[in-house]
Amino acid sequence: MNPDIQAYFDTVTDERYDKLLELRELIVSMYPEAEEKITYKIPKYILPSGNIAIGYRKDGVSLYTYEAFFEDFKEKHPHIATTKGTIAFGMNDRLPKTDLRKVIKRAMSEGRPK
């Protein structure tokens, strides 16, 4: 983990740390070649073909990408909160990794939706 990303993670001092780390590890395991840097004060994972970001908030952690990339996810997991560009996991939400891999793959390979 690069020092800027580590510094971001070091600001999380509660149970959100593990969930945020789980999201990071999922992305990095799929795309170890992605550039990892802080953008808009959150970790972002960047390839020439696309990007995705993660972050924490008061009541959980979030995955940031375009809504077009997670329409199927929303239908399959209606209990997990979403907004226009965010999948917002509460602390009691399990990370459905199989379906998250699909979201991550689209975000990292399809660029900006048309």
N, C-alpha and C. Protein backbone atom coordinates (compact mmCIF):
# COMPACT_ATOMS: atom_id res chain seq x y z
N MET A 1 0.85 -1.17 0.00
CA MET A 1 0.00 0.00 0.00
C MET A 1 0.90 1.24 0.00
N ASN A 2 0.62 2.17 -0.89
CA ASN A 2 1.47 3.36 -0.92
C ASN A 2 1.21 4.23 0.32
N PRO A 3 2.16 5.08 0.67
CA PRO A 3 2.06 5.84 1.92
C PRO A 3 0.82 6.74 2.02
N ASP A 4 0.38 7.34 0.92
CA ASP A 4 -0.82 8.18 0.96
C ASP A 4 -2.07 7.35 1.26
N ILE A 5 -2.14 6.18 0.67
CA ILE A 5 -3.28 5.30 0.93
C ILE A 5 -3.22 4.80 2.37
N GLN A 6 -2.03 4.44 2.83
CA GLN A 6 -1.88 3.99 4.22
C GLN A 6 -2.30 5.08 5.20
N ALA A 7 -1.92 6.31 4.90
CA ALA A 7 -2.30 7.44 5.77
C ALA A 7 -3.82 7.59 5.82
N TYR A 8 -4.48 7.39 4.68
CA TYR A 8 -5.95 7.43 4.66
C TYR A 8 -6.53 6.33 5.55
N PHE A 9 -6.03 5.12 5.38
CA PHE A 9 -6.52 3.99 6.18
C PHE A 9 -6.25 4.21 7.66
N ASP A 10 -5.14 4.85 7.97
CA ASP A 10 -4.80 5.10 9.37
C ASP A 10 -5.77 6.05 10.06
N THR A 11 -6.55 6.80 9.29
CA THR A 11 -7.55 7.69 9.89
C THR A 11 -8.81 6.94 10.32
N VAL A 12 -8.95 5.70 9.89
CA VAL A 12 -10.12 4.89 10.26
C VAL A 12 -9.74 4.08 11.50
N THR A 13 -10.34 4.41 12.61
CA THR A 13 -9.93 3.79 13.87
C THR A 13 -11.00 2.90 14.48
N ASP A 14 -11.94 2.45 13.67
CA ASP A 14 -13.00 1.60 14.20
C ASP A 14 -13.27 0.45 13.23
N GLU A 15 -14.43 -0.19 13.37
CA GLU A 15 -14.73 -1.40 12.58
C GLU A 15 -14.86 -1.13 11.08
N ARG A 16 -14.96 0.13 10.68
CA ARG A 16 -15.01 0.43 9.24
C ARG A 16 -13.69 0.07 8.55
N TYR A 17 -12.59 0.06 9.30
CA TYR A 17 -11.27 -0.24 8.74
C TYR A 17 -11.29 -1.59 8.02
N ASP A 18 -11.79 -2.62 8.68
CA ASP A 18 -11.76 -3.96 8.08
C ASP A 18 -12.60 -4.04 6.81
N LYS A 19 -13.75 -3.40 6.83
CA LYS A 19 -14.62 -3.43 5.65
C LYS A 19 -14.00 -2.63 4.50
N LEU A 20 -13.39 -1.51 4.81
CA LEU A 20 -12.71 -0.72 3.80
C LEU A 20 -11.52 -1.49 3.22
N LEU A 21 -10.76 -2.14 4.09
CA LEU A 21 -9.64 -2.95 3.64
C LEU A 21 -10.11 -4.10 2.76
N GLU A 22 -11.24 -4.69 3.11
CA GLU A 22 -11.80 -5.77 2.30
C GLU A 22 -12.13 -5.29 0.88
N LEU A 23 -12.69 -4.09 0.76
CA LEU A 23 -12.97 -3.52 -0.56
C LEU A 23 -11.67 -3.27 -1.33
N ARG A 24 -10.68 -2.69 -0.66
CA ARG A 24 -9.40 -2.44 -1.30
C ARG A 24 -8.76 -3.73 -1.80
N GLU A 25 -8.75 -4.74 -0.95
CA GLU A 25 -8.11 -6.00 -1.32
C GLU A 25 -8.83 -6.66 -2.50
N LEU A 26 -10.14 -6.51 -2.57
CA LEU A 26 -10.88 -7.06 -3.70
C LEU A 26 -10.45 -6.38 -5.00
N ILE A 27 -10.37 -5.06 -4.98
CA ILE A 27 -9.96 -4.31 -6.18
C ILE A 27 -8.52 -4.65 -6.56
N VAL A 28 -7.62 -4.61 -5.60
CA VAL A 28 -6.19 -4.85 -5.88
C VAL A 28 -5.96 -6.29 -6.33
N SER A 29 -6.72 -7.23 -5.81
CA SER A 29 -6.56 -8.63 -6.25
C SER A 29 -6.97 -8.80 -7.71
N MET A 30 -7.95 -8.01 -8.14
CA MET A 30 -8.40 -8.09 -9.53
C MET A 30 -7.51 -7.28 -10.47
N TYR A 31 -7.00 -6.15 -9.97
CA TYR A 31 -6.23 -5.23 -10.80
C TYR A 31 -4.98 -4.76 -10.07
N PRO A 32 -4.01 -5.65 -9.87
CA PRO A 32 -2.80 -5.26 -9.15
C PRO A 32 -1.99 -4.19 -9.88
N GLU A 33 -2.22 -4.06 -11.16
CA GLU A 33 -1.48 -3.07 -11.96
C GLU A 33 -2.11 -1.67 -11.89
N ALA A 34 -3.27 -1.54 -11.27
CA ALA A 34 -3.95 -0.24 -11.20
C ALA A 34 -3.13 0.75 -10.38
N GLU A 35 -3.11 1.98 -10.84
CA GLU A 35 -2.49 3.05 -10.06
C GLU A 35 -3.41 3.33 -8.88
N GLU A 36 -2.83 3.41 -7.71
CA GLU A 36 -3.59 3.63 -6.49
C GLU A 36 -3.16 4.99 -5.93
N LYS A 37 -4.10 5.93 -5.87
CA LYS A 37 -3.73 7.25 -5.36
C LYS A 37 -4.93 7.93 -4.72
N ILE A 38 -4.66 8.95 -3.95
CA ILE A 38 -5.72 9.73 -3.33
C ILE A 38 -6.20 10.78 -4.32
N THR A 39 -7.48 10.77 -4.59
CA THR A 39 -8.12 11.74 -5.46
C THR A 39 -9.39 12.21 -4.77
N TYR A 40 -9.57 13.51 -4.68
CA TYR A 40 -10.72 14.06 -3.94
C TYR A 40 -10.78 13.50 -2.52
N LYS A 41 -9.61 13.32 -1.92
CA LYS A 41 -9.43 12.89 -0.53
C LYS A 41 -9.83 11.44 -0.25
N ILE A 42 -9.99 10.62 -1.30
CA ILE A 42 -10.30 9.19 -1.11
C ILE A 42 -9.42 8.34 -2.02
N PRO A 43 -9.23 7.05 -1.67
CA PRO A 43 -8.45 6.16 -2.52
C PRO A 43 -9.16 5.87 -3.85
N LYS A 44 -8.40 6.00 -4.91
CA LYS A 44 -8.92 5.73 -6.25
C LYS A 44 -7.97 4.76 -6.94
N TYR A 45 -8.53 3.87 -7.75
CA TYR A 45 -7.79 2.83 -8.46
C TYR A 45 -8.01 3.09 -9.94
N ILE A 46 -6.92 3.31 -10.67
CA ILE A 46 -7.00 3.85 -12.02
C ILE A 46 -6.25 2.98 -13.02
N LEU A 47 -6.92 2.70 -14.12
CA LEU A 47 -6.32 2.08 -15.30
C LEU A 47 -6.62 3.00 -16.48
N PRO A 48 -5.91 2.86 -17.59
CA PRO A 48 -6.27 3.66 -18.76
C PRO A 48 -7.72 3.42 -19.21
N SER A 49 -8.24 2.25 -18.92
CA SER A 49 -9.58 1.88 -19.37
C SER A 49 -10.70 2.21 -18.39
N GLY A 50 -10.39 2.65 -17.18
CA GLY A 50 -11.44 2.96 -16.22
C GLY A 50 -10.90 3.17 -14.82
N ASN A 51 -11.80 3.41 -13.87
CA ASN A 51 -11.38 3.63 -12.48
C ASN A 51 -12.53 3.38 -11.52
N ILE A 52 -12.17 3.29 -10.24
CA ILE A 52 -13.14 3.10 -9.18
C ILE A 52 -12.53 3.66 -7.90
N ALA A 53 -13.36 4.07 -6.96
CA ALA A 53 -12.85 4.64 -5.72
C ALA A 53 -13.60 4.05 -4.52
N ILE A 54 -12.96 4.16 -3.36
CA ILE A 54 -13.57 3.69 -2.12
C ILE A 54 -13.40 4.76 -1.05
N GLY A 55 -14.21 4.66 -0.02
CA GLY A 55 -14.08 5.61 1.07
C GLY A 55 -14.91 5.18 2.26
N TYR A 56 -14.73 5.88 3.35
CA TYR A 56 -15.54 5.61 4.53
C TYR A 56 -16.35 6.84 4.87
N ARG A 57 -17.42 6.61 5.57
CA ARG A 57 -18.29 7.67 6.04
C ARG A 57 -18.73 7.33 7.46
N LYS A 58 -19.52 8.16 8.05
CA LYS A 58 -19.89 8.00 9.46
C LYS A 58 -20.44 6.60 9.78
N ASP A 59 -21.28 6.08 8.90
CA ASP A 59 -21.98 4.83 9.23
C ASP A 59 -21.61 3.65 8.34
N GLY A 60 -20.46 3.71 7.65
CA GLY A 60 -20.06 2.58 6.82
C GLY A 60 -18.98 2.94 5.82
N VAL A 61 -18.96 2.19 4.72
CA VAL A 61 -17.98 2.41 3.67
C VAL A 61 -18.70 2.46 2.32
N SER A 62 -18.04 3.06 1.33
CA SER A 62 -18.66 3.24 0.03
C SER A 62 -17.74 2.85 -1.10
N LEU A 63 -18.36 2.43 -2.19
CA LEU A 63 -17.69 2.15 -3.45
C LEU A 63 -18.25 3.16 -4.44
N TYR A 64 -17.36 3.91 -5.11
CA TYR A 64 -17.78 4.99 -5.99
C TYR A 64 -17.49 4.65 -7.44
N THR A 65 -18.53 4.69 -8.25
CA THR A 65 -18.41 4.49 -9.69
C THR A 65 -19.68 5.03 -10.33
N TYR A 66 -19.85 4.81 -11.60
CA TYR A 66 -21.05 5.27 -12.28
C TYR A 66 -22.21 4.31 -12.02
N GLU A 67 -23.36 4.88 -11.82
CA GLU A 67 -24.56 4.07 -11.54
C GLU A 67 -24.83 3.04 -12.64
N ALA A 68 -24.53 3.39 -13.87
CA ALA A 68 -24.76 2.45 -14.98
C ALA A 68 -24.02 1.13 -14.78
N PHE A 69 -22.94 1.17 -14.01
CA PHE A 69 -22.15 -0.04 -13.78
C PHE A 69 -22.70 -0.91 -12.65
N PHE A 70 -23.68 -0.41 -11.90
CA PHE A 70 -24.19 -1.25 -10.81
C PHE A 70 -25.71 -1.37 -10.79
N GLU A 71 -26.36 -1.20 -11.92
CA GLU A 71 -27.81 -1.39 -12.01
C GLU A 71 -28.20 -2.82 -11.62
N ASP A 72 -27.49 -3.81 -12.15
CA ASP A 72 -27.78 -5.21 -11.80
C ASP A 72 -27.56 -5.46 -10.32
N PHE A 73 -26.51 -4.87 -9.76
CA PHE A 73 -26.21 -5.02 -8.34
C PHE A 73 -27.37 -4.49 -7.50
N LYS A 74 -27.88 -3.32 -7.86
CA LYS A 74 -29.01 -2.72 -7.12
C LYS A 74 -30.23 -3.63 -7.12
N GLU A 75 -30.51 -4.22 -8.26
CA GLU A 75 -31.67 -5.12 -8.35
C GLU A 75 -31.48 -6.36 -7.50
N LYS A 76 -30.27 -6.88 -7.49
CA LYS A 76 -29.98 -8.11 -6.75
C LYS A 76 -29.85 -7.88 -5.25
N HIS A 77 -29.46 -6.66 -4.86
CA HIS A 77 -29.21 -6.35 -3.44
C HIS A 77 -29.95 -5.08 -3.04
N PRO A 78 -31.28 -5.09 -3.08
CA PRO A 78 -32.04 -3.87 -2.79
C PRO A 78 -31.88 -3.37 -1.35
N HIS A 79 -31.42 -4.22 -0.46
CA HIS A 79 -31.23 -3.82 0.94
C HIS A 79 -29.97 -2.99 1.16
N ILE A 80 -29.06 -2.98 0.16
CA ILE A 80 -27.84 -2.18 0.26
C ILE A 80 -28.12 -0.81 -0.38
N ALA A 81 -27.85 0.25 0.37
CA ALA A 81 -28.15 1.60 -0.09
C ALA A 81 -27.28 1.98 -1.29
N THR A 82 -27.88 2.70 -2.21
CA THR A 82 -27.15 3.23 -3.35
C THR A 82 -27.62 4.66 -3.61
N THR A 83 -26.76 5.42 -4.24
CA THR A 83 -27.12 6.74 -4.76
C THR A 83 -26.64 6.76 -6.20
N LYS A 84 -26.68 7.90 -6.83
CA LYS A 84 -26.36 7.97 -8.25
C LYS A 84 -24.99 7.37 -8.61
N GLY A 85 -23.99 7.57 -7.79
CA GLY A 85 -22.66 7.04 -8.11
C GLY A 85 -22.03 6.26 -6.98
N THR A 86 -22.84 5.77 -6.04
CA THR A 86 -22.30 5.16 -4.84
C THR A 86 -23.05 3.91 -4.42
N ILE A 87 -22.31 2.89 -4.05
CA ILE A 87 -22.87 1.76 -3.31
C ILE A 87 -22.42 1.99 -1.87
N ALA A 88 -23.37 2.17 -0.98
CA ALA A 88 -23.08 2.56 0.40
C ALA A 88 -23.36 1.39 1.34
N PHE A 89 -22.30 0.76 1.80
CA PHE A 89 -22.43 -0.39 2.70
C PHE A 89 -22.52 0.08 4.14
N GLY A 90 -23.55 -0.37 4.82
CA GLY A 90 -23.64 -0.14 6.25
C GLY A 90 -22.77 -1.16 6.96
N MET A 91 -22.56 -0.96 8.23
CA MET A 91 -21.66 -1.87 8.96
C MET A 91 -22.23 -3.28 9.07
N ASN A 92 -23.52 -3.45 8.95
CA ASN A 92 -24.11 -4.78 9.02
C ASN A 92 -24.26 -5.44 7.65
N ASP A 93 -23.94 -4.70 6.59
CA ASP A 93 -24.04 -5.27 5.24
C ASP A 93 -22.83 -6.15 4.94
N ARG A 94 -23.12 -7.32 4.42
CA ARG A 94 -22.07 -8.22 3.95
C ARG A 94 -21.64 -7.72 2.56
N LEU A 95 -20.37 -7.85 2.24
CA LEU A 95 -19.90 -7.47 0.91
C LEU A 95 -20.11 -8.65 -0.04
N PRO A 96 -21.08 -8.57 -0.94
CA PRO A 96 -21.32 -9.67 -1.89
C PRO A 96 -20.24 -9.67 -2.98
N LYS A 97 -19.15 -10.35 -2.70
CA LYS A 97 -17.95 -10.23 -3.53
C LYS A 97 -18.15 -10.66 -4.98
N THR A 98 -18.92 -11.70 -5.22
CA THR A 98 -19.12 -12.13 -6.60
C THR A 98 -19.76 -11.01 -7.41
N ASP A 99 -20.78 -10.39 -6.86
CA ASP A 99 -21.46 -9.30 -7.57
C ASP A 99 -20.63 -8.03 -7.59
N LEU A 100 -19.85 -7.79 -6.55
CA LEU A 100 -18.95 -6.63 -6.56
C LEU A 100 -17.87 -6.77 -7.61
N ARG A 101 -17.39 -7.98 -7.82
CA ARG A 101 -16.38 -8.19 -8.87
C ARG A 101 -16.92 -7.75 -10.24
N LYS A 102 -18.19 -8.01 -10.48
CA LYS A 102 -18.81 -7.60 -11.76
C LYS A 102 -18.84 -6.08 -11.87
N VAL A 103 -19.19 -5.40 -10.80
CA VAL A 103 -19.22 -3.94 -10.78
C VAL A 103 -17.80 -3.39 -11.01
N ILE A 104 -16.85 -3.93 -10.28
CA ILE A 104 -15.46 -3.47 -10.39
C ILE A 104 -14.94 -3.70 -11.80
N LYS A 105 -15.22 -4.85 -12.36
CA LYS A 105 -14.75 -5.16 -13.72
C LYS A 105 -15.31 -4.15 -14.73
N ARG A 106 -16.59 -3.84 -14.62
CA ARG A 106 -17.18 -2.86 -15.55
C ARG A 106 -16.54 -1.50 -15.35
N ALA A 107 -16.39 -1.08 -14.11
CA ALA A 107 -15.82 0.25 -13.85
C ALA A 107 -14.39 0.36 -14.35
N MET A 108 -13.63 -0.70 -14.21
CA MET A 108 -12.22 -0.67 -14.59
C MET A 108 -11.99 -0.92 -16.08
N SER A 109 -12.99 -1.43 -16.78
CA SER A 109 -12.76 -1.75 -18.19
C SER A 109 -13.61 -0.94 -19.17
N GLU A 110 -14.67 -0.29 -18.68
CA GLU A 110 -15.58 0.39 -19.63
C GLU A 110 -15.48 1.91 -19.61
N GLY A 111 -14.61 2.45 -18.78
CA GLY A 111 -14.47 3.91 -18.77
C GLY A 111 -15.74 4.61 -18.33
N ARG A 112 -16.03 5.70 -18.95
CA ARG A 112 -17.23 6.49 -18.63
C ARG A 112 -18.40 5.98 -19.47
N PRO A 113 -19.54 5.70 -18.83
CA PRO A 113 -20.69 5.21 -19.60
C PRO A 113 -21.22 6.28 -20.55
N LYS A 114 -21.81 5.82 -21.61
CA LYS A 114 -22.34 6.76 -22.61
C LYS A 114 -23.80 7.08 -22.34
